Every structure is written in C-alpha cells, then in structure tokens.
Amino acid sequence: MRGDLPLRRGTKVTVAAVAVLAVVGGGVALSTVRASGRSEAPTGHTGLPPATAAVERGDLSDSTQVEGVLGHAGTHKVNAGATGTLTWSPSVGSTVNRDGRLYEVNGKPVRLMYGSGPMYRSLKPGDKGPDVEQLERNLQALGFATGLAVDEKYTPGTADAVRRWQESHDLKETGTVGPDQVAFAPGAVRVKDKPAAAGDQVGPGRQVLTTTGSERIVSFNLEVSESTLAKEGTKVTVDLPDGSTAPGRISSVGKTAATGDDPNDKTPKVSLTVAFDAPDKVRAVDQAPVTVNLTGETRTGVLTVPVNALLAHPKGGFGVQVVSGGAVRDVRVELGMFGQGGRVEVSGGGLRAGMKVGVPKI
C-alpha cells in the first residue's frame, strides 16, 4: 500500500477529512476538501493548527484483527468394521488416543491407530501396501515391534508384533488383524457426535461416530485484499473469551475465495485456520468467538506521524504541517507503510524524530 490512501488495516482516512496543499501565487496555502471533492478558496495561514503530535522513530507493523471461532480440526466419519450389536461408544466431547477404545461391537473393542488410510482389509503375512506400513509404525510406537523393519511388507516379524499386541489386550493371538480390531485416523480424535447408540445393529459401512481432530484450532475468514497478511506459517495471537491471549500460526489457507452467508456482505473471502502453539492450554468452550490478531510486515526504525496529520496535495502526493517556534511550515513527504495505532511511515521534508506536526483537535 505504499503511496496510497490507507485501506482497512490501521486507521481509515476519508477524503473529506484530509487538508489539501495548494500553491497560490508562488506561496503555499491550505484549503480543505469537501466530500464532493471540491476545494474551498485558500485562506493562507491564519495561525497554529488546533493540536500537534510528535514525529516518532520506531518500529511500525501492518496488522489487522478478525473475528474467528474456536473449534477442532477436520470432521471424520467412523464406520463399523464388524457386523453385530454396538455395545459401547465413548461420550461426546471425549478424546481417544492411540490404542484407545474407539467403540465396541458384540463386546469386542475396536482400537484406534494412527494413519492417513483406512483399515479396509484383514492383514496377514505376505500382504503388502501402505496400510501394512501404517500398522507397523503403530506397533513400533506402542513398543510391540522393537527392531522390526517398518516397510510395506507383512512379514513373520510383523505377525509376531501383532501377537504381542493382541496378548496385551487379552485377544486371541492370531498374528492377523483387521477392521474388527483396528481403525485408522490421522491422530487422536475427539468425539463430536454418535449417530448410532448402544444396542443398534451395525455393520461395515454403517456410521457409528463422527469425530474431529483433538487439538483446538481457530477458523476465520479474511478478505482477499488482506490475504497477504496470512500465509501458512504466519505467526498470530488469539484473544480468548476469558481475556487471555494464546500464540499460534496460520496452518492452512483456502485456495478459493467465496462470499459468506451474510446477504449484506458480498465481499469475497478466503477461509483460514490457526493452530495454537500450546493447544492443550486453550480451555474455552467449543464454538466460542475469538479475535485473531494478524501482524504483517514490520518496518524497523522508521519515522511515523499520525494518519490524520496528512495533507493531500491537489497535484498528487501528501504533506504535513511542521510546527516549530510558534510558526508553521508545510512540507511534502513520501508515504510508506500504514500501520498499527493509526500511524503512517513518512520520509523527506527534513523531518526528524521529536518534531511537532499539526493534527485536527480531538
């Protein structure tokens, strides 16, 4: 936004509120711009401005705040892996970790293991594929496959590791394992809903649970014009309902812009997700409203003035009134970043930190 009127980030400036520098008869006089765009006749300097503010040197950040919603990542359907009666399922809101009971059919638990692919077949020696590798990684993480080469081959060593796992859960030690014993999910899951209740008849393809990821996230929408502030990995802070602030980063940015459900707001926006640095410390209730603080570029050691100190020149560009020793002089300046606190980066005109510039009376 260098050299342009400030947009939505920081303090907005309207044309009606900006004074214009006009060159009259070889001298410089002030006129004001009405909302219609016309200028009143110049009157020359009649005195000091109603108020002044300091030219400051320091860091300036381009930032914005947006409203978001606290939730959990990703929604996943869990279908039954065996035919029979659903005899148990975890309560809504509970979390299931690796090797934990996900649900039971006919009194036999189906346990959670981590992996991106589904458990779609019974695995046995001689089988090959990414689902074998997923299983072996879980067995290794649980301490049942020490020394086992983790690959896509179901070897006798894999079968031995499965037997040790089965023994730990008082299961028949067959060395084979299928969807009636194991279900895969990308990580720990949180139970969002239970489409099936204990006592219902279930079978392969029948949904028994709706889950989400276990970690807390924030979802929010951002106007396309501000999307440069929010690339994946960008650090943010989130203001929580209890008044505390939690740090995080942008974990995903939508690829397609769309308008929201508000009929009065047709501005195209992209959807984004924030992952917290310490999600276990975020205690607010699900779907609670939060505020996401986005900080874009930071300029260090720059001169800044309040945005309302700017005067627009009729031939383009901007200036400020410098007040010194009871006198006023008008100087042209180059604009840089518009940032937090309603300040703007300026250069030129012999400006120095500590000088006073004219601003409207508050």
Protein backbone atom coordinates (compact mmCIF):
# COMPACT_ATOMS: atom_id res chain seq x y z
CA MET A 1 0.00 0.00 0.00
CA ARG A 2 2.97 2.33 -0.33
CA GLY A 3 2.00 5.81 -1.55
CA ASP A 4 -1.75 5.11 -1.43
CA LEU A 5 -4.50 6.20 0.91
CA PRO A 6 -4.70 3.84 3.89
CA LEU A 7 -7.06 0.97 3.39
CA ARG A 8 -8.76 -1.17 6.00
CA ARG A 9 -5.67 -2.01 8.02
CA GLY A 10 -4.96 0.56 10.70
CA THR A 11 -6.96 3.81 10.85
CA LYS A 12 -9.10 4.70 7.84
CA VAL A 13 -8.74 8.13 6.24
CA THR A 14 -11.51 9.68 4.12
CA VAL A 15 -11.04 12.43 1.56
CA ALA A 16 -13.40 14.70 3.49
CA ALA A 17 -11.03 14.68 6.47
CA VAL A 18 -7.79 15.49 4.63
CA ALA A 19 -6.50 19.03 4.03
CA VAL A 20 -5.04 19.85 0.65
CA LEU A 21 -1.87 21.77 -0.08
CA ALA A 22 -2.44 24.33 -2.81
CA VAL A 23 0.20 26.52 -4.42
CA VAL A 24 -1.12 30.08 -4.75
CA GLY A 25 0.85 32.98 -6.23
CA GLY A 26 4.20 31.37 -5.58
CA GLY A 27 3.34 30.73 -1.90
CA VAL A 28 1.76 27.77 -0.13
CA ALA A 29 -1.71 27.98 1.36
CA LEU A 30 -4.14 25.48 2.84
CA SER A 31 -7.59 24.50 1.63
CA THR A 32 -9.89 21.71 2.70
CA VAL A 33 -11.54 19.12 0.50
CA ARG A 34 -15.24 18.61 0.89
CA ALA A 35 -16.84 15.18 0.47
CA SER A 36 -17.85 16.25 -3.05
CA GLY A 37 -14.20 16.64 -3.97
CA ARG A 38 -14.33 20.48 -4.36
CA SER A 39 -11.83 22.77 -2.63
CA GLU A 40 -12.72 25.89 -0.72
CA ALA A 41 -10.85 29.07 -1.60
CA PRO A 42 -7.41 29.18 0.05
CA THR A 43 -7.23 31.49 3.04
CA GLY A 44 -3.50 31.33 3.84
CA HIS A 45 -2.04 30.64 7.26
CA THR A 46 -4.15 32.25 9.97
CA GLY A 47 -2.47 30.67 12.98
CA LEU A 48 -1.25 27.49 14.53
CA PRO A 49 -3.10 24.19 13.97
CA PRO A 50 -5.63 23.24 16.66
CA ALA A 51 -3.33 20.48 18.02
CA THR A 52 0.03 18.87 17.42
CA ALA A 53 1.55 15.40 17.60
CA ALA A 54 5.14 14.22 17.64
CA VAL A 55 7.09 12.74 14.76
CA GLU A 56 8.31 9.42 16.17
CA ARG A 57 11.05 6.99 15.18
CA GLY A 58 10.48 3.30 15.86
CA ASP A 59 9.05 0.06 14.52
CA LEU A 60 5.77 0.00 12.60
CA SER A 61 3.70 -3.12 11.92
CA ASP A 62 0.97 -3.62 9.36
CA SER A 63 -1.79 -5.51 11.18
CA THR A 64 -5.46 -6.30 11.34
CA GLN A 65 -7.94 -8.03 13.65
CA VAL A 66 -10.57 -10.50 12.50
CA GLU A 67 -13.26 -12.46 14.30
CA GLY A 68 -12.92 -16.23 14.41
CA VAL A 69 -14.49 -19.31 16.00
CA LEU A 70 -12.78 -21.78 18.30
CA GLY A 71 -13.18 -25.41 17.27
CA HIS A 72 -11.40 -28.63 16.36
CA ALA A 73 -9.72 -29.61 13.12
CA GLY A 74 -11.34 -31.81 10.48
CA THR A 75 -14.51 -33.89 10.61
CA HIS A 76 -14.23 -37.65 10.08
CA LYS A 77 -16.84 -40.41 9.89
CA VAL A 78 -16.09 -43.67 11.68
CA ASN A 79 -17.87 -46.66 10.19
CA ALA A 80 -18.25 -50.01 11.89
CA GLY A 81 -15.66 -52.62 10.95
CA ALA A 82 -17.70 -55.64 12.05
CA THR A 83 -21.30 -56.80 11.95
CA GLY A 84 -23.22 -57.07 15.19
CA THR A 85 -24.61 -55.01 18.05
CA LEU A 86 -22.97 -51.77 19.10
CA THR A 87 -22.31 -52.36 22.79
CA TRP A 88 -20.27 -49.27 23.72
CA SER A 89 -19.03 -45.95 22.35
CA PRO A 90 -17.25 -43.03 24.04
CA SER A 91 -19.14 -39.97 25.24
CA VAL A 92 -19.44 -36.86 23.09
CA GLY A 93 -16.54 -34.50 23.77
CA SER A 94 -14.17 -37.23 24.93
CA THR A 95 -10.77 -37.81 23.32
CA VAL A 96 -9.46 -41.16 22.10
CA ASN A 97 -5.71 -41.62 21.70
CA ARG A 98 -3.60 -44.28 20.01
CA ASP A 99 -4.59 -47.81 21.12
CA GLY A 100 -7.62 -46.46 22.95
CA ARG A 101 -11.11 -47.99 22.63
CA LEU A 102 -12.96 -46.27 19.80
CA TYR A 103 -16.15 -48.37 20.03
CA GLU A 104 -17.25 -51.97 20.74
CA VAL A 105 -19.27 -54.41 18.68
CA ASN A 106 -20.58 -57.53 20.43
CA GLY A 107 -18.42 -56.56 23.40
CA LYS A 108 -15.20 -56.59 21.39
CA PRO A 109 -13.25 -53.30 21.24
CA VAL A 110 -12.09 -51.69 18.03
CA ARG A 111 -8.97 -49.69 18.88
CA LEU A 112 -7.61 -46.50 17.33
CA MET A 113 -4.32 -46.43 15.50
CA TYR A 114 -2.80 -43.50 13.62
CA GLY A 115 -2.66 -43.40 9.83
CA SER A 116 -3.99 -41.49 6.86
CA GLY A 117 -5.51 -44.51 5.08
CA PRO A 118 -8.47 -46.63 6.18
CA MET A 119 -8.29 -50.13 7.64
CA TYR A 120 -10.15 -51.79 4.76
CA ARG A 121 -8.94 -55.42 4.93
CA SER A 122 -7.61 -58.11 7.25
CA LEU A 123 -3.81 -58.05 7.21
CA LYS A 124 -1.77 -61.24 7.27
CA PRO A 125 1.74 -62.48 6.39
CA GLY A 126 2.52 -61.91 2.72
CA ASP A 127 0.35 -58.81 2.38
CA LYS A 128 1.92 -55.62 1.05
CA GLY A 129 0.84 -51.98 1.00
CA PRO A 130 0.80 -48.65 2.83
CA ASP A 131 -1.76 -49.98 5.33
CA VAL A 132 0.84 -52.55 6.42
CA GLU A 133 3.38 -49.79 7.00
CA GLN A 134 0.80 -47.79 8.99
CA LEU A 135 0.16 -50.80 11.21
CA GLU A 136 3.87 -51.45 11.76
CA ARG A 137 4.51 -47.80 12.73
CA ASN A 138 1.81 -48.03 15.37
CA LEU A 139 3.09 -51.34 16.72
CA GLN A 140 6.57 -49.83 16.94
CA ALA A 141 5.27 -46.67 18.68
CA LEU A 142 3.44 -48.87 21.21
CA GLY A 143 6.57 -50.92 21.95
CA PHE A 144 5.48 -54.19 20.33
CA ALA A 145 7.78 -54.07 17.28
CA THR A 146 11.23 -53.21 18.60
CA GLY A 147 13.78 -53.97 15.87
CA LEU A 148 11.13 -54.55 13.21
CA ALA A 149 11.89 -53.01 9.81
CA VAL A 150 8.98 -50.67 9.10
CA ASP A 151 8.02 -51.10 5.45
CA GLU A 152 5.07 -52.17 3.34
CA LYS A 153 5.66 -55.93 3.82
CA TYR A 154 3.73 -58.01 6.36
CA THR A 155 6.49 -60.38 7.48
CA PRO A 156 6.61 -63.08 10.18
CA GLY A 157 8.15 -60.35 12.37
CA THR A 158 5.06 -58.22 11.81
CA ALA A 159 2.86 -61.16 12.79
CA ASP A 160 4.87 -61.64 16.00
CA ALA A 161 4.42 -57.96 16.86
CA VAL A 162 0.67 -58.27 16.25
CA ARG A 163 0.52 -61.31 18.56
CA ARG A 164 2.23 -59.33 21.33
CA TRP A 165 -0.26 -56.51 20.84
CA GLN A 166 -3.19 -58.97 20.90
CA GLU A 167 -1.84 -60.59 24.05
CA SER A 168 -1.71 -57.21 25.80
CA HIS A 169 -5.47 -56.84 25.21
CA ASP A 170 -6.44 -60.45 26.04
CA LEU A 171 -7.27 -61.18 22.42
CA LYS A 172 -6.77 -64.43 20.56
CA GLU A 173 -3.15 -64.36 19.36
CA THR A 174 -3.67 -64.97 15.64
CA GLY A 175 -0.95 -62.71 14.21
CA THR A 176 -3.52 -61.27 11.80
CA VAL A 177 -5.55 -58.12 12.32
CA GLY A 178 -8.48 -56.48 10.56
CA PRO A 179 -11.20 -53.81 10.76
CA ASP A 180 -12.91 -55.71 13.58
CA GLN A 181 -9.93 -54.87 15.82
CA VAL A 182 -8.34 -51.67 14.45
CA ALA A 183 -9.48 -48.37 12.89
CA PHE A 184 -7.13 -45.72 11.49
CA ALA A 185 -7.34 -41.95 11.92
CA PRO A 186 -4.66 -39.27 11.28
CA GLY A 187 -4.18 -38.74 15.01
CA ALA A 188 -6.01 -38.60 18.32
CA VAL A 189 -9.72 -37.91 17.82
CA ARG A 190 -12.43 -36.06 19.69
CA VAL A 191 -15.96 -37.47 19.57
CA LYS A 192 -18.27 -34.89 18.04
CA ASP A 193 -21.44 -36.96 17.55
CA LYS A 194 -22.78 -40.51 17.89
CA PRO A 195 -25.14 -41.40 15.02
CA ALA A 196 -25.55 -44.91 16.46
CA ALA A 197 -26.48 -45.77 20.04
CA ALA A 198 -25.66 -48.79 22.16
CA GLY A 199 -27.98 -51.59 21.12
CA ASP A 200 -28.16 -50.59 17.46
CA GLN A 201 -27.30 -53.12 14.81
CA VAL A 202 -24.22 -52.06 12.86
CA GLY A 203 -22.06 -53.40 10.08
CA PRO A 204 -19.36 -52.36 7.59
CA GLY A 205 -20.34 -49.02 6.06
CA ARG A 206 -22.68 -48.10 8.94
CA GLN A 207 -21.52 -44.92 10.71
CA VAL A 208 -21.05 -45.22 14.46
CA LEU A 209 -19.18 -42.00 15.29
CA THR A 210 -18.41 -38.53 13.98
CA THR A 211 -15.02 -37.32 15.15
CA THR A 212 -12.73 -34.34 14.78
CA GLY A 213 -9.06 -33.83 15.50
CA SER A 214 -8.32 -33.50 19.21
CA GLU A 215 -6.35 -30.23 19.03
CA ARG A 216 -8.03 -26.85 19.34
CA ILE A 217 -7.95 -24.59 16.30
CA VAL A 218 -9.49 -21.30 15.18
CA SER A 219 -11.34 -20.90 11.90
CA PHE A 220 -11.87 -17.48 10.34
CA ASN A 221 -12.43 -15.72 7.02
CA LEU A 222 -10.29 -12.95 5.58
CA GLU A 223 -10.96 -10.59 2.72
CA VAL A 224 -8.93 -11.37 -0.38
CA SER A 225 -7.41 -7.88 -0.29
CA GLU A 226 -5.84 -8.68 3.09
CA SER A 227 -4.80 -12.27 2.36
CA THR A 228 -1.12 -11.29 2.02
CA LEU A 229 -1.12 -10.90 5.81
CA ALA A 230 -1.92 -14.57 6.32
CA LYS A 231 0.36 -17.04 4.59
CA GLU A 232 0.87 -20.53 6.00
CA GLY A 233 3.26 -20.32 8.92
CA THR A 234 2.48 -16.66 9.71
CA LYS A 235 2.55 -16.08 13.48
CA VAL A 236 -0.61 -14.73 15.12
CA THR A 237 -2.06 -14.18 18.57
CA VAL A 238 -5.61 -15.10 19.55
CA ASP A 239 -7.66 -13.20 22.14
CA LEU A 240 -9.72 -15.80 24.05
CA PRO A 241 -13.10 -15.26 25.77
CA ASP A 242 -11.53 -15.29 29.26
CA GLY A 243 -9.34 -12.30 28.38
CA SER A 244 -6.14 -14.30 27.90
CA THR A 245 -4.08 -14.39 24.71
CA ALA A 246 -2.65 -17.51 23.05
CA PRO A 247 0.04 -17.58 20.36
CA GLY A 248 -0.34 -19.63 17.20
CA ARG A 249 0.32 -19.73 13.48
CA ILE A 250 -1.66 -19.95 10.26
CA SER A 251 -1.85 -23.69 9.48
CA SER A 252 -3.96 -23.59 6.32
CA VAL A 253 -5.20 -21.03 3.79
CA GLY A 254 -8.13 -21.69 1.49
CA LYS A 255 -7.44 -21.82 -2.23
CA THR A 256 -10.83 -20.47 -3.33
CA ALA A 257 -12.49 -17.16 -2.43
CA ALA A 258 -16.21 -17.14 -1.70
CA THR A 259 -18.87 -14.87 -0.19
CA GLY A 260 -20.29 -15.76 3.21
CA ASP A 261 -23.84 -16.34 4.41
CA ASP A 262 -24.43 -12.66 5.25
CA PRO A 263 -26.65 -11.23 2.44
CA ASN A 264 -25.36 -7.74 3.28
CA ASP A 265 -21.70 -8.68 2.81
CA LYS A 266 -20.73 -9.92 -0.66
CA THR A 267 -17.01 -9.31 -0.22
CA PRO A 268 -15.00 -12.34 -1.44
CA LYS A 269 -13.12 -14.00 1.40
CA VAL A 270 -10.83 -16.97 1.92
CA SER A 271 -11.07 -19.39 4.84
CA LEU A 272 -8.09 -19.85 7.15
CA THR A 273 -7.16 -21.98 10.14
CA VAL A 274 -4.96 -21.18 13.14
CA ALA A 275 -3.08 -23.88 15.03
CA PHE A 276 -2.11 -22.97 18.60
CA ASP A 277 1.47 -23.28 19.82
CA ALA A 278 0.15 -24.90 23.02
CA PRO A 279 -3.35 -26.22 22.20
CA ASP A 280 -3.68 -28.12 25.48
CA LYS A 281 -3.67 -24.80 27.36
CA VAL A 282 -6.68 -23.42 25.47
CA ARG A 283 -9.68 -24.06 27.70
CA ALA A 284 -12.52 -22.05 26.13
CA VAL A 285 -15.71 -23.86 25.11
CA ASP A 286 -16.16 -25.17 21.60
CA GLN A 287 -17.51 -22.67 19.02
CA ALA A 288 -16.63 -19.72 21.27
CA PRO A 289 -15.95 -16.43 19.43
CA VAL A 290 -12.34 -15.22 19.47
CA THR A 291 -10.27 -12.44 17.89
CA VAL A 292 -7.28 -13.24 15.68
CA ASN A 293 -4.52 -10.62 15.60
CA LEU A 294 -2.58 -10.72 12.34
CA THR A 295 0.72 -8.92 12.02
CA GLY A 296 2.12 -8.49 8.54
CA GLU A 297 5.31 -6.67 7.59
CA THR A 298 7.29 -4.83 10.27
CA ARG A 299 9.37 -1.77 9.38
CA THR A 300 12.11 -1.01 11.89
CA GLY A 301 13.49 2.39 12.84
CA VAL A 302 11.19 4.43 10.59
CA LEU A 303 9.74 7.92 11.10
CA THR A 304 5.98 7.98 11.63
CA VAL A 305 3.22 10.55 12.09
CA PRO A 306 -0.49 10.14 12.90
CA VAL A 307 -2.52 9.45 9.77
CA ASN A 308 -4.72 12.46 10.49
CA ALA A 309 -1.66 14.73 10.19
CA LEU A 310 -1.55 14.11 6.44
CA LEU A 311 -2.48 16.83 3.95
CA ALA A 312 -3.29 15.79 0.39
CA HIS A 313 -1.74 17.87 -2.42
CA PRO A 314 -4.06 18.71 -5.37
CA LYS A 315 -1.37 17.62 -7.85
CA GLY A 316 -0.77 14.39 -6.01
CA GLY A 317 1.24 13.38 -3.02
CA PHE A 318 0.99 14.38 0.61
CA GLY A 319 2.46 16.77 3.14
CA VAL A 320 2.36 17.72 6.81
CA GLN A 321 2.39 20.96 8.80
CA VAL A 322 5.55 21.26 10.88
CA VAL A 323 5.07 23.45 13.96
CA SER A 324 8.22 24.98 15.44
CA GLY A 325 8.93 28.14 17.47
CA GLY A 326 5.39 29.36 17.16
CA ALA A 327 5.49 29.18 13.36
CA VAL A 328 4.04 26.74 10.84
CA ARG A 329 5.58 25.45 7.61
CA ASP A 330 4.18 22.96 5.12
CA VAL A 331 6.45 20.20 3.83
CA ARG A 332 5.99 17.49 1.24
CA VAL A 333 6.56 13.89 2.43
CA GLU A 334 6.75 10.43 0.91
CA LEU A 335 4.44 7.83 2.44
CA GLY A 336 5.40 4.29 3.34
CA MET A 337 3.50 1.73 5.40
CA PHE A 338 0.20 2.44 7.13
CA GLY A 339 0.29 0.52 10.39
CA GLN A 340 -0.95 -0.02 13.90
CA GLY A 341 -2.15 2.78 16.12
CA GLY A 342 -3.24 4.95 13.20
CA ARG A 343 0.29 5.92 12.21
CA VAL A 344 1.97 6.11 8.82
CA GLU A 345 5.60 5.91 7.76
CA VAL A 346 6.92 9.19 6.25
CA SER A 347 10.19 10.42 4.81
CA GLY A 348 11.54 13.64 3.26
CA GLY A 349 10.95 17.26 4.12
CA GLY A 350 13.77 17.30 6.64
CA LEU A 351 11.61 15.55 9.21
CA ARG A 352 13.28 14.36 12.42
CA ALA A 353 12.05 12.49 15.47
CA GLY A 354 10.66 14.88 18.07
CA MET A 355 9.34 17.46 15.61
CA LYS A 356 5.71 18.51 16.02
CA VAL A 357 3.14 18.26 13.23
CA GLY A 358 -0.35 19.69 13.07
CA VAL A 359 -3.36 17.45 13.65
CA PRO A 360 -7.10 18.15 14.00
CA LYS A 361 -8.31 18.94 17.51
CA ILE A 362 -9.74 15.90 19.24
